[in-house]
Protein backbone atom coordinates (compact mmCIF):
# COMPACT_ATOMS: atom_id res chain seq x y z
CA MET A 1 -20.48 10.19 -6.15
CA GLN A 2 -17.60 10.13 -8.94
CA SER A 3 -16.40 13.30 -10.57
CA ARG A 4 -17.33 14.03 -13.85
CA LYS A 5 -15.49 16.29 -16.33
CA ILE A 6 -18.49 18.69 -17.68
CA ILE A 7 -18.64 20.72 -21.49
CA VAL A 8 -19.73 24.14 -20.58
CA ALA A 9 -21.38 25.68 -24.48
CA VAL A 10 -22.42 29.11 -24.97
CA ALA A 11 -24.69 30.11 -27.51
CA PRO A 12 -24.09 33.89 -27.27
CA VAL A 13 -26.48 35.79 -29.60
CA ALA A 14 -30.08 36.45 -29.29
CA HIS A 15 -33.05 35.12 -31.87
CA MET A 16 -33.93 38.44 -33.37
CA GLU A 17 -37.07 37.98 -32.09
CA LYS A 18 -36.79 37.93 -28.68
CA LYS A 19 -37.33 40.43 -26.40
CA ILE A 20 -33.80 42.20 -25.07
CA PRO A 21 -34.19 43.16 -21.51
CA ALA A 22 -33.07 47.27 -21.13
CA GLY A 23 -28.71 47.84 -20.92
CA VAL A 24 -28.18 44.07 -22.64
CA VAL A 25 -26.66 44.34 -26.29
CA ASN A 26 -27.18 41.34 -28.51
CA PRO A 27 -23.85 40.44 -29.97
CA VAL A 28 -24.39 40.89 -33.60
CA ASP A 29 -21.78 42.71 -34.84
CA PRO A 30 -19.14 39.98 -35.59
CA GLU A 31 -15.84 42.52 -33.35
CA VAL A 32 -17.73 41.81 -30.69
CA LEU A 33 -19.51 38.64 -31.07
CA ALA A 34 -15.99 37.28 -31.54
CA ARG A 35 -14.60 39.45 -28.43
CA GLU A 36 -17.18 37.55 -26.43
CA SER A 37 -17.02 34.21 -27.58
CA ILE A 38 -13.41 34.89 -26.48
CA GLU A 39 -14.41 36.06 -23.18
CA CYS A 40 -16.66 32.56 -22.47
CA TRP A 41 -13.79 30.81 -23.86
CA LYS A 42 -11.49 32.24 -20.57
CA ALA A 43 -14.15 32.17 -18.23
CA GLY A 44 -15.05 28.42 -19.03
CA ALA A 45 -16.98 27.95 -21.91
CA SER A 46 -15.28 25.14 -23.63
CA LEU A 47 -17.95 25.24 -27.27
CA VAL A 48 -19.58 27.86 -28.93
CA HIS A 49 -23.02 28.22 -30.70
CA LEU A 50 -22.99 29.98 -33.57
CA HIS A 51 -25.69 30.36 -36.50
CA VAL A 52 -24.42 31.83 -40.23
CA ARG A 53 -25.97 35.75 -39.93
CA ASP A 54 -25.19 39.44 -41.47
CA VAL A 55 -24.13 41.88 -39.51
CA THR A 56 -27.45 42.72 -38.32
CA GLY A 57 -28.29 39.29 -36.87
CA LYS A 58 -30.45 38.01 -39.12
CA GLN A 59 -30.12 34.21 -40.51
CA VAL A 60 -28.37 33.85 -43.96
CA GLY A 61 -26.77 31.62 -46.84
CA ASP A 62 -24.04 33.72 -46.84
CA LEU A 63 -20.45 32.31 -45.09
CA GLY A 64 -18.85 35.80 -45.26
CA VAL A 65 -19.43 36.89 -41.29
CA PHE A 66 -19.72 33.46 -40.07
CA SER A 67 -16.24 32.28 -41.37
CA HIS A 68 -14.37 35.96 -40.08
CA THR A 69 -16.22 35.56 -36.67
CA ILE A 70 -13.75 32.74 -37.11
CA ASP A 71 -11.15 34.20 -37.91
CA LEU A 72 -11.80 36.56 -34.88
CA ILE A 73 -12.19 33.69 -32.12
CA ARG A 74 -9.87 31.65 -33.55
CA ALA A 75 -6.74 33.92 -33.09
CA GLU A 76 -7.13 33.80 -29.84
CA SER A 77 -9.06 30.70 -28.73
CA ASP A 78 -9.03 26.49 -29.61
CA ILE A 79 -13.08 26.58 -28.53
CA VAL A 80 -14.91 24.13 -30.27
CA ILE A 81 -16.94 25.72 -32.63
CA GLN A 82 -20.51 24.53 -33.22
CA GLY A 83 -22.44 25.65 -36.52
CA SER A 84 -26.06 25.72 -36.40
CA THR A 85 -28.45 24.59 -38.68
CA GLY A 86 -31.41 25.79 -36.81
CA GLY A 87 -33.35 28.36 -36.22
CA LEU A 88 -36.95 29.65 -38.13
CA SER A 89 -36.24 30.81 -41.25
CA THR A 90 -37.27 30.41 -45.32
CA LEU A 91 -33.66 28.78 -46.01
CA SER A 92 -33.50 26.32 -47.87
CA LEU A 93 -32.09 23.00 -46.63
CA GLU A 94 -28.74 23.62 -47.85
CA ASP A 95 -28.55 27.00 -46.62
CA ARG A 96 -29.61 25.64 -43.60
CA SER A 97 -26.63 23.70 -43.52
CA LYS A 98 -24.74 26.63 -44.66
CA SER A 99 -21.86 26.30 -41.46
CA VAL A 100 -21.00 22.65 -42.05
CA ASP A 101 -18.84 24.12 -45.23
CA GLU A 102 -17.26 26.65 -43.27
CA PRO A 103 -13.85 23.88 -42.03
CA ARG A 104 -13.51 24.96 -38.79
CA VAL A 105 -17.00 23.51 -37.64
CA GLN A 106 -16.26 20.82 -35.89
CA MET A 107 -20.10 20.16 -34.44
CA ALA A 108 -23.03 21.15 -35.99
CA SER A 109 -26.94 21.04 -34.51
CA LEU A 110 -29.08 18.40 -36.17
CA ASN A 111 -33.08 18.92 -35.45
CA MET A 112 -34.48 15.95 -34.93
CA GLY A 113 -38.15 16.16 -35.57
CA SER A 114 -40.85 19.41 -36.22
CA THR A 115 -42.40 20.47 -33.81
CA ASN A 116 -44.56 23.97 -33.05
CA PHE A 117 -42.69 26.73 -32.16
CA GLY A 118 -45.27 29.55 -30.47
CA GLU A 119 -47.58 30.07 -33.42
CA GLY A 120 -45.52 28.80 -35.97
CA VAL A 121 -44.17 25.17 -37.68
CA TYR A 122 -40.47 24.34 -37.30
CA ILE A 123 -40.39 21.93 -40.27
CA ASN A 124 -37.55 19.63 -40.05
CA THR A 125 -38.80 15.98 -42.12
CA TRP A 126 -36.55 12.34 -42.12
CA PRO A 127 -35.28 13.47 -45.74
CA ASP A 128 -34.51 16.80 -44.47
CA ILE A 129 -32.68 15.22 -41.55
CA ARG A 130 -30.82 12.56 -44.08
CA TYR A 131 -29.92 15.28 -46.28
CA TRP A 132 -27.97 16.92 -43.59
CA ALA A 133 -26.79 14.00 -41.70
CA ALA A 134 -25.08 13.03 -45.13
CA LYS A 135 -23.66 16.35 -45.30
CA MET A 136 -22.16 16.59 -41.91
CA LYS A 137 -20.75 12.89 -42.32
CA ARG A 138 -18.94 13.61 -45.35
CA MET A 139 -17.60 17.12 -44.01
CA GLN A 140 -16.97 14.95 -40.75
CA VAL A 141 -18.51 17.05 -38.94
CA VAL A 142 -20.63 15.80 -35.56
CA PRO A 143 -24.10 16.12 -34.92
CA GLU A 144 -25.71 17.06 -31.86
CA LEU A 145 -28.77 15.70 -31.43
CA GLU A 146 -31.40 18.54 -31.15
CA VAL A 147 -34.73 16.70 -29.26
CA PHE A 148 -37.73 18.88 -28.64
CA ASP A 149 -39.86 15.85 -27.75
CA LEU A 150 -39.75 12.47 -26.38
CA SER A 151 -40.84 10.60 -29.76
CA MET A 152 -37.95 12.57 -31.82
CA ILE A 153 -35.20 9.88 -29.04
CA GLU A 154 -37.38 6.65 -31.47
CA SER A 155 -36.72 8.30 -34.53
CA ILE A 156 -33.60 8.88 -34.09
CA VAL A 157 -32.80 5.35 -33.32
CA ALA A 158 -34.37 4.26 -36.52
CA LEU A 159 -32.65 6.69 -38.64
CA ALA A 160 -29.26 5.65 -36.77
CA ASP A 161 -30.07 1.85 -37.86
CA GLU A 162 -30.46 2.20 -41.09
CA GLY A 163 -27.13 3.77 -41.48
CA THR A 164 -27.85 7.48 -40.94
CA LEU A 165 -26.47 8.51 -38.16
CA ASP A 166 -23.16 6.94 -36.51
CA HIS A 167 -22.98 5.64 -32.97
CA PRO A 168 -22.08 6.94 -30.33
CA LEU A 169 -25.04 9.34 -30.19
CA HIS A 170 -25.04 12.74 -29.00
CA PHE A 171 -28.71 14.13 -27.58
CA ASN A 172 -29.34 17.68 -26.70
CA PHE A 173 -32.30 17.92 -24.84
CA SER A 174 -33.37 20.94 -26.17
CA LEU A 175 -36.87 22.01 -23.52
CA GLY A 176 -39.35 25.26 -22.39
CA PHE A 177 -39.99 26.16 -26.23
CA HIS A 178 -43.52 27.41 -26.71
CA GLY A 179 -46.04 24.86 -28.49
CA ALA A 180 -42.82 21.56 -27.67
CA LEU A 181 -41.95 19.71 -23.81
CA SER A 182 -42.32 21.98 -21.47
CA ALA A 183 -38.41 23.00 -19.11
CA THR A 184 -38.90 20.39 -16.08
CA ALA A 185 -36.87 18.16 -14.18
CA ASP A 186 -39.75 15.14 -14.95
CA ASN A 187 -39.22 15.65 -18.45
CA VAL A 188 -35.42 15.75 -18.25
CA PHE A 189 -35.66 12.63 -16.15
CA ARG A 190 -38.42 11.29 -18.87
CA LEU A 191 -36.04 11.39 -21.95
CA LYS A 192 -32.55 10.36 -19.94
CA GLN A 193 -34.78 7.34 -19.31
CA ALA A 194 -35.52 6.83 -23.12
CA LEU A 195 -31.95 7.24 -24.66
CA PRO A 196 -30.38 4.27 -26.08
CA HIS A 197 -27.40 3.00 -23.95
CA GLY A 198 -23.90 4.00 -24.74
CA SER A 199 -24.99 7.52 -25.77
CA SER A 200 -24.25 11.11 -24.41
CA TRP A 201 -27.12 13.88 -23.72
CA SER A 202 -26.38 17.70 -22.53
CA LEU A 203 -29.66 20.30 -21.95
CA LEU A 204 -30.52 23.79 -22.87
CA HIS A 205 -33.46 25.26 -21.84
CA GLU A 206 -35.25 27.87 -23.75
CA GLY A 207 -36.53 30.91 -21.94
CA MET A 208 -34.17 29.82 -18.93
CA THR A 209 -34.57 33.10 -15.93
CA ASP A 210 -32.88 30.82 -13.20
CA PHE A 211 -30.02 27.69 -13.39
CA SER A 212 -31.94 25.59 -11.91
CA LEU A 213 -32.86 22.95 -14.50
CA LEU A 214 -29.26 23.17 -15.67
CA ALA A 215 -28.52 21.68 -11.82
CA VAL A 216 -30.75 19.21 -12.85
CA ALA A 217 -29.43 17.62 -15.90
CA VAL A 218 -25.89 17.64 -13.55
CA GLY A 219 -26.90 16.06 -11.27
CA ALA A 220 -29.21 13.38 -13.79
CA GLY A 221 -25.92 12.89 -15.20
CA ALA A 222 -25.42 15.24 -18.60
CA SER A 223 -22.22 15.67 -20.08
CA GLY A 224 -22.97 19.61 -21.13
CA ILE A 225 -25.13 22.54 -20.34
CA ARG A 226 -26.02 25.56 -22.21
CA VAL A 227 -25.81 29.02 -21.37
CA GLY A 228 -25.69 32.42 -23.47
CA TYR A 229 -28.35 35.01 -24.73
CA GLU A 230 -29.82 32.17 -27.31
CA ASP A 231 -31.47 30.40 -24.12
CA GLY A 232 -31.93 32.94 -21.53
CA PHE A 233 -30.43 36.16 -20.48
CA PHE A 234 -30.87 36.27 -16.47
CA ILE A 235 -28.97 34.70 -13.77
CA LYS A 236 -31.63 34.48 -11.17
CA PRO A 237 -34.96 36.34 -12.11
CA GLY A 238 -34.53 40.06 -12.95
CA ARG A 239 -30.78 39.70 -12.80
CA PRO A 240 -29.77 40.02 -16.51
CA ALA A 241 -26.24 39.30 -16.97
CA SER A 242 -23.61 38.81 -19.97
CA ASN A 243 -22.61 36.10 -21.51
CA ALA A 244 -18.97 35.74 -19.97
CA GLU A 245 -21.21 35.85 -16.61
CA LEU A 246 -23.49 33.30 -17.75
CA VAL A 247 -20.65 31.35 -18.18
CA ARG A 248 -18.99 31.61 -14.86
CA HIS A 249 -21.97 31.46 -13.23
CA ALA A 250 -22.74 27.48 -14.62
CA VAL A 251 -18.88 26.71 -13.70
CA GLU A 252 -19.44 27.66 -10.32
CA LEU A 253 -22.26 24.97 -10.40
CA ILE A 254 -20.67 22.46 -11.60
CA GLU A 255 -18.01 23.04 -9.51
CA ALA A 256 -19.84 23.63 -6.24
CA MET A 257 -21.50 20.24 -7.50
CA GLY A 258 -18.31 18.52 -7.10
CA HIS A 259 -17.63 18.35 -10.80
CA GLN A 260 -14.72 19.64 -13.27
CA VAL A 261 -15.13 21.58 -16.58
CA ALA A 262 -14.19 20.10 -19.55
CA THR A 263 -11.41 22.24 -21.02
CA ALA A 264 -12.05 23.23 -25.30
CA GLU A 265 -9.49 20.57 -25.90
CA GLU A 266 -11.25 17.55 -24.13
CA ALA A 267 -14.65 19.34 -25.09
CA ARG A 268 -12.76 17.69 -28.61
CA ARG A 269 -12.44 14.85 -27.22
């Protein structure tokens, strides 16, 4: 087995509709969020995934709190900043992609199709995707292609063939959302087998209560794994942890499997 550099990403803020375990504080305050992001970077995270929110945690189309949070993070850390264009909301296409307007955002999530999320529908049409992809190109922001279903990989190939997306393609398998593709090892392998040649992939496990599927991803060749309150609160069932503890556990997992954790500069390259 050849040792690889693996990116540990952290998404530190839980969506507002999530049930927060007793004793856990969701870091929506910009000072708290910045402090936790810096702690995660010190623990080994090389990328932080941030939504444009106000001080209450609501997704908004104003960069004020978002940019202030990045000011605080950048004062002490070179962690890669990934902006989100996702999350169930009633925001416009422009407002959903507001993070891309922040010049310190180097990567952004690009959701590659529509899917059921619980009782609702997460709508991402091809015209929507083309709009966001074009904006990312203008701003020189690298898209992370969020995949919730196997059919989205074929959509990505088609959009790349027409020039909407540029190679190399970086996929993020987003498994476990209720109504979308479930978080199983079989589904990880199905998605990996469908990838076009020369692409890379990472994994997030929505609702994760342990690190077993992340271990599957590392063993199967993922270039990155994600932890943090947006995805789950637990190292193992019944044991909630801080965001930094989740990162440290991911680092220990990667190293125990014979690999190395990428620095922020390595992740950026």
